[in-house]
């Protein structure tokens, strides 16, 4: 259980850091392209897969499938705008998708 909790804390911190990066980038007119988002995305993916692997037989697929779909959507949007500035509207979409994924994670059903 200690391993699961440690991975969950790393996952939460990476997710919160990515959310903070999106909010900070929203305040800038032309946000700089750095590798911080890529590194955070990889950490979120690896820790999410680790958490799923630890809980494997008892997964909440009704949460897992939409969150993975949102993750794919965010990664696709980031890839499309990797070499050009991200418009403000798209930044709001990324922020909304990230918040939606966090709400899916914390809502109990």
N, C-alpha and C. Protein backbone atom coordinates (compact mmCIF):
# COMPACT_ATOMS: atom_id res chain seq x y z
N UNK A 1 0.81 -1.18 0.00
CA UNK A 1 0.00 0.00 0.00
C UNK A 1 0.86 1.26 0.00
N UNK A 2 2.04 1.18 0.60
CA UNK A 2 2.94 2.32 0.64
C UNK A 2 3.39 2.69 -0.77
N UNK A 3 3.69 1.70 -1.59
CA UNK A 3 4.09 1.95 -2.98
C UNK A 3 2.98 2.65 -3.74
N UNK A 4 1.77 2.18 -3.59
CA UNK A 4 0.63 2.80 -4.26
C UNK A 4 0.48 4.26 -3.85
N UNK A 5 0.59 4.54 -2.55
CA UNK A 5 0.44 5.91 -2.06
C UNK A 5 1.56 6.82 -2.56
N UNK A 6 2.79 6.31 -2.60
CA UNK A 6 3.90 7.12 -3.10
C UNK A 6 3.72 7.45 -4.59
N UNK A 7 3.31 6.46 -5.37
CA UNK A 7 3.08 6.69 -6.79
C UNK A 7 1.91 7.67 -6.97
N UNK A 8 0.88 7.53 -6.15
CA UNK A 8 -0.26 8.44 -6.22
C UNK A 8 0.15 9.88 -5.90
N UNK A 9 1.03 10.07 -4.93
CA UNK A 9 1.51 11.42 -4.59
C UNK A 9 2.31 12.00 -5.75
N UNK A 10 3.18 11.21 -6.37
CA UNK A 10 3.95 11.68 -7.52
C UNK A 10 3.01 12.03 -8.67
N UNK A 11 2.00 11.20 -8.89
CA UNK A 11 1.02 11.44 -9.94
C UNK A 11 0.27 12.74 -9.68
N UNK A 12 -0.16 12.95 -8.45
CA UNK A 12 -0.89 14.16 -8.07
C UNK A 12 -0.02 15.41 -8.24
N UNK A 13 1.24 15.34 -7.81
CA UNK A 13 2.13 16.50 -7.92
C UNK A 13 2.41 16.82 -9.38
N UNK A 14 2.62 15.79 -10.23
CA UNK A 14 2.85 16.03 -11.65
C UNK A 14 1.60 16.63 -12.30
N UNK A 15 0.44 16.13 -11.93
CA UNK A 15 -0.81 16.64 -12.49
C UNK A 15 -1.03 18.09 -12.07
N UNK A 16 -0.78 18.39 -10.79
CA UNK A 16 -0.93 19.74 -10.29
C UNK A 16 0.09 20.68 -10.94
N UNK A 17 1.30 20.21 -11.17
CA UNK A 17 2.32 21.01 -11.84
C UNK A 17 1.92 21.32 -13.28
N UNK A 18 1.34 20.33 -13.96
CA UNK A 18 0.88 20.56 -15.33
C UNK A 18 -0.26 21.58 -15.35
N UNK A 19 -1.16 21.48 -14.41
CA UNK A 19 -2.27 22.44 -14.31
C UNK A 19 -1.73 23.84 -14.03
N UNK A 20 -0.77 23.95 -13.15
CA UNK A 20 -0.15 25.23 -12.85
C UNK A 20 0.57 25.79 -14.07
N UNK A 21 1.24 24.94 -14.83
CA UNK A 21 1.91 25.37 -16.06
C UNK A 21 0.90 25.93 -17.05
N UNK A 22 -0.26 25.28 -17.18
CA UNK A 22 -1.29 25.78 -18.09
C UNK A 22 -1.82 27.14 -17.64
N UNK A 23 -2.01 27.32 -16.35
CA UNK A 23 -2.52 28.60 -15.83
C UNK A 23 -1.48 29.70 -16.03
N UNK A 24 -0.22 29.41 -15.78
CA UNK A 24 0.84 30.40 -15.98
C UNK A 24 0.97 30.74 -17.47
N UNK A 25 0.89 29.75 -18.34
CA UNK A 25 0.98 30.00 -19.78
C UNK A 25 -0.21 30.81 -20.29
N UNK A 26 -1.34 30.67 -19.64
CA UNK A 26 -2.53 31.41 -20.05
C UNK A 26 -2.34 32.91 -19.81
N UNK A 27 -1.57 33.27 -18.80
CA UNK A 27 -1.33 34.67 -18.48
C UNK A 27 -0.36 35.33 -19.46
N UNK A 28 0.42 34.54 -20.18
CA UNK A 28 1.40 35.08 -21.12
C UNK A 28 0.77 35.20 -22.50
N UNK A 29 1.11 36.28 -23.25
CA UNK A 29 0.56 36.41 -24.60
C UNK A 29 1.06 35.32 -25.56
N UNK A 30 2.35 35.04 -25.53
CA UNK A 30 2.94 33.96 -26.35
C UNK A 30 3.77 33.08 -25.44
N UNK A 31 3.17 32.00 -24.92
CA UNK A 31 3.93 31.16 -23.99
C UNK A 31 5.12 30.49 -24.67
N UNK A 32 6.21 30.38 -23.92
CA UNK A 32 7.41 29.74 -24.44
C UNK A 32 7.18 28.24 -24.59
N UNK A 33 7.79 27.69 -25.61
CA UNK A 33 7.73 26.24 -25.81
C UNK A 33 8.91 25.63 -25.06
N UNK A 34 8.60 24.87 -24.04
CA UNK A 34 9.64 24.17 -23.30
C UNK A 34 9.26 22.71 -23.17
N UNK A 35 10.17 21.94 -22.65
CA UNK A 35 9.94 20.50 -22.53
C UNK A 35 9.30 20.12 -21.20
N UNK A 36 8.95 21.13 -20.39
CA UNK A 36 8.36 20.84 -19.08
C UNK A 36 7.03 20.11 -19.23
N UNK A 37 6.20 20.55 -20.17
CA UNK A 37 4.91 19.89 -20.38
C UNK A 37 5.07 18.45 -20.84
N UNK A 38 6.06 18.21 -21.70
CA UNK A 38 6.32 16.86 -22.19
C UNK A 38 6.76 15.95 -21.04
N UNK A 39 7.68 16.45 -20.23
CA UNK A 39 8.17 15.65 -19.09
C UNK A 39 7.03 15.36 -18.11
N UNK A 40 6.22 16.38 -17.82
CA UNK A 40 5.10 16.18 -16.90
C UNK A 40 4.09 15.19 -17.48
N UNK A 41 3.83 15.28 -18.78
CA UNK A 41 2.92 14.34 -19.43
C UNK A 41 3.41 12.91 -19.35
N UNK A 42 4.70 12.72 -19.54
CA UNK A 42 5.28 11.37 -19.45
C UNK A 42 5.18 10.85 -18.02
N UNK A 43 5.45 11.72 -17.05
CA UNK A 43 5.35 11.30 -15.64
C UNK A 43 3.90 10.93 -15.31
N UNK A 44 2.96 11.76 -15.76
CA UNK A 44 1.54 11.46 -15.50
C UNK A 44 1.15 10.13 -16.14
N UNK A 45 1.59 9.89 -17.35
CA UNK A 45 1.28 8.63 -18.04
C UNK A 45 1.88 7.43 -17.32
N UNK A 46 3.16 7.52 -16.98
CA UNK A 46 3.82 6.38 -16.33
C UNK A 46 3.26 6.10 -14.94
N UNK A 47 3.01 7.14 -14.17
CA UNK A 47 2.45 6.91 -12.84
C UNK A 47 1.01 6.41 -12.93
N UNK A 48 0.25 6.91 -13.90
CA UNK A 48 -1.11 6.42 -14.09
C UNK A 48 -1.14 4.96 -14.48
N UNK A 49 -0.24 4.56 -15.37
CA UNK A 49 -0.15 3.14 -15.75
C UNK A 49 0.31 2.28 -14.57
N UNK A 50 1.21 2.82 -13.76
CA UNK A 50 1.67 2.08 -12.57
C UNK A 50 0.53 1.90 -11.58
N UNK A 51 -0.25 2.96 -11.37
CA UNK A 51 -1.39 2.85 -10.46
C UNK A 51 -2.40 1.83 -10.97
N UNK A 52 -2.64 1.83 -12.27
CA UNK A 52 -3.56 0.86 -12.85
C UNK A 52 -3.00 -0.56 -12.74
N UNK A 53 -1.70 -0.69 -12.90
CA UNK A 53 -1.08 -2.01 -12.78
C UNK A 53 -1.16 -2.57 -11.38
N UNK A 54 -1.02 -1.70 -10.40
CA UNK A 54 -1.08 -2.15 -9.01
C UNK A 54 -2.49 -2.60 -8.64
N UNK A 55 -3.50 -1.88 -9.14
CA UNK A 55 -4.89 -2.21 -8.79
C UNK A 55 -5.55 -3.10 -9.84
N UNK A 56 -4.79 -3.74 -10.71
CA UNK A 56 -5.30 -4.32 -11.95
C UNK A 56 -6.65 -5.02 -11.89
N UNK A 57 -6.86 -6.03 -11.13
CA UNK A 57 -8.16 -6.70 -11.31
C UNK A 57 -9.35 -5.82 -10.90
N UNK A 58 -9.12 -4.84 -10.06
CA UNK A 58 -10.22 -4.03 -9.53
C UNK A 58 -10.15 -2.59 -10.04
N UNK A 59 -10.11 -2.43 -11.35
CA UNK A 59 -10.04 -1.10 -11.95
C UNK A 59 -11.43 -0.51 -12.14
N UNK A 60 -11.53 0.80 -12.03
CA UNK A 60 -12.77 1.50 -12.33
C UNK A 60 -12.71 1.93 -13.80
N UNK A 61 -13.18 1.06 -14.67
CA UNK A 61 -13.08 1.34 -16.10
C UNK A 61 -13.94 2.54 -16.51
N UNK A 62 -15.01 2.81 -15.78
CA UNK A 62 -15.85 3.97 -16.10
C UNK A 62 -15.11 5.28 -15.82
N UNK A 63 -14.03 5.22 -15.04
CA UNK A 63 -13.18 6.39 -14.83
C UNK A 63 -11.94 6.32 -15.72
N UNK A 64 -11.40 5.14 -15.87
CA UNK A 64 -10.15 4.97 -16.60
C UNK A 64 -10.29 5.31 -18.08
N UNK A 65 -11.34 4.83 -18.71
CA UNK A 65 -11.50 5.04 -20.16
C UNK A 65 -11.69 6.51 -20.51
N UNK A 66 -12.57 7.26 -19.83
CA UNK A 66 -12.68 8.69 -20.17
C UNK A 66 -11.40 9.47 -19.88
N UNK A 67 -10.70 9.15 -18.79
CA UNK A 67 -9.47 9.86 -18.49
C UNK A 67 -8.40 9.59 -19.54
N UNK A 68 -8.31 8.37 -20.02
CA UNK A 68 -7.34 8.07 -21.07
C UNK A 68 -7.72 8.78 -22.37
N UNK A 69 -9.01 8.86 -22.66
CA UNK A 69 -9.46 9.61 -23.84
C UNK A 69 -9.10 11.07 -23.74
N UNK A 70 -9.27 11.65 -22.55
CA UNK A 70 -8.90 13.05 -22.34
C UNK A 70 -7.39 13.22 -22.47
N UNK A 71 -6.63 12.27 -21.94
CA UNK A 71 -5.18 12.33 -22.06
C UNK A 71 -4.75 12.30 -23.53
N UNK A 72 -5.38 11.45 -24.31
CA UNK A 72 -5.07 11.38 -25.75
C UNK A 72 -5.44 12.69 -26.44
N UNK A 73 -6.56 13.28 -26.06
CA UNK A 73 -6.97 14.56 -26.65
C UNK A 73 -5.97 15.66 -26.31
N UNK A 74 -5.53 15.73 -25.06
CA UNK A 74 -4.55 16.74 -24.66
C UNK A 74 -3.24 16.53 -25.39
N UNK A 75 -2.79 15.29 -25.48
CA UNK A 75 -1.53 15.00 -26.18
C UNK A 75 -1.64 15.36 -27.67
N UNK A 76 -2.79 15.11 -28.28
CA UNK A 76 -2.99 15.44 -29.69
C UNK A 76 -2.96 16.95 -29.90
N UNK A 77 -3.64 17.68 -29.04
CA UNK A 77 -3.64 19.14 -29.15
C UNK A 77 -2.23 19.69 -28.96
N UNK A 78 -1.51 19.18 -27.98
CA UNK A 78 -0.14 19.62 -27.75
C UNK A 78 0.75 19.30 -28.95
N UNK A 79 0.53 18.16 -29.58
CA UNK A 79 1.33 17.79 -30.75
C UNK A 79 1.01 18.69 -31.94
N UNK A 80 -0.25 19.02 -32.13
CA UNK A 80 -0.64 19.90 -33.24
C UNK A 80 0.01 21.27 -33.10
N UNK A 81 0.05 21.79 -31.89
CA UNK A 81 0.60 23.12 -31.65
C UNK A 81 2.03 23.08 -31.11
N UNK A 82 2.78 22.05 -31.45
CA UNK A 82 4.14 21.93 -30.92
C UNK A 82 5.09 22.94 -31.53
N UNK A 83 4.85 23.35 -32.77
CA UNK A 83 5.78 24.25 -33.44
C UNK A 83 5.20 25.64 -33.68
N UNK A 84 4.01 25.89 -33.20
CA UNK A 84 3.40 27.21 -33.37
C UNK A 84 2.76 27.65 -32.07
N UNK A 85 2.52 28.97 -31.93
CA UNK A 85 1.91 29.45 -30.69
C UNK A 85 0.49 28.92 -30.50
N UNK A 86 0.17 28.64 -29.26
CA UNK A 86 -1.16 28.11 -28.94
C UNK A 86 -2.12 29.28 -28.75
N UNK A 87 -3.22 29.32 -29.51
CA UNK A 87 -4.21 30.39 -29.31
C UNK A 87 -4.85 30.30 -27.92
N UNK A 88 -5.35 31.43 -27.46
CA UNK A 88 -5.95 31.50 -26.12
C UNK A 88 -7.12 30.53 -26.00
N UNK A 89 -7.92 30.41 -27.05
CA UNK A 89 -9.07 29.51 -27.01
C UNK A 89 -8.62 28.06 -26.78
N UNK A 90 -7.56 27.66 -27.44
CA UNK A 90 -7.04 26.30 -27.29
C UNK A 90 -6.44 26.13 -25.90
N UNK A 91 -5.83 27.18 -25.35
CA UNK A 91 -5.32 27.10 -23.98
C UNK A 91 -6.46 26.86 -22.99
N UNK A 92 -7.59 27.52 -23.22
CA UNK A 92 -8.76 27.28 -22.37
C UNK A 92 -9.29 25.85 -22.53
N UNK A 93 -9.23 25.33 -23.75
CA UNK A 93 -9.66 23.94 -23.98
C UNK A 93 -8.75 22.98 -23.21
N UNK A 94 -7.43 23.20 -23.28
CA UNK A 94 -6.49 22.35 -22.55
C UNK A 94 -6.73 22.43 -21.05
N UNK A 95 -6.94 23.64 -20.55
CA UNK A 95 -7.20 23.82 -19.14
C UNK A 95 -8.51 23.14 -18.73
N UNK A 96 -9.53 23.27 -19.55
CA UNK A 96 -10.83 22.63 -19.26
C UNK A 96 -10.72 21.11 -19.26
N UNK A 97 -10.01 20.56 -20.24
CA UNK A 97 -9.84 19.11 -20.30
C UNK A 97 -9.06 18.59 -19.08
N UNK A 98 -8.06 19.35 -18.67
CA UNK A 98 -7.27 18.94 -17.51
C UNK A 98 -8.11 18.97 -16.24
N UNK A 99 -8.92 20.00 -16.08
CA UNK A 99 -9.79 20.08 -14.91
C UNK A 99 -10.85 18.98 -14.95
N UNK A 100 -11.38 18.69 -16.15
CA UNK A 100 -12.35 17.61 -16.29
C UNK A 100 -11.74 16.27 -15.88
N UNK A 101 -10.50 16.02 -16.29
CA UNK A 101 -9.83 14.77 -15.91
C UNK A 101 -9.64 14.69 -14.39
N UNK A 102 -9.33 15.82 -13.78
CA UNK A 102 -9.16 15.80 -12.32
C UNK A 102 -10.49 15.57 -11.61
N UNK A 103 -11.56 16.14 -12.16
CA UNK A 103 -12.88 15.91 -11.55
C UNK A 103 -13.31 14.46 -11.68
N UNK A 104 -13.03 13.85 -12.84
CA UNK A 104 -13.35 12.44 -13.01
C UNK A 104 -12.59 11.59 -11.99
N UNK A 105 -11.36 11.99 -11.69
CA UNK A 105 -10.54 11.21 -10.76
C UNK A 105 -11.06 11.28 -9.33
N UNK A 106 -11.59 12.42 -8.92
CA UNK A 106 -11.94 12.57 -7.50
C UNK A 106 -13.40 12.32 -7.19
N UNK A 107 -14.26 12.26 -8.18
CA UNK A 107 -15.68 12.04 -7.93
C UNK A 107 -15.91 10.58 -7.54
N UNK A 108 -16.63 10.39 -6.45
CA UNK A 108 -16.98 9.03 -6.02
C UNK A 108 -18.34 8.67 -6.54
N UNK A 109 -18.45 7.45 -7.08
CA UNK A 109 -19.74 6.98 -7.58
C UNK A 109 -20.07 5.65 -6.95
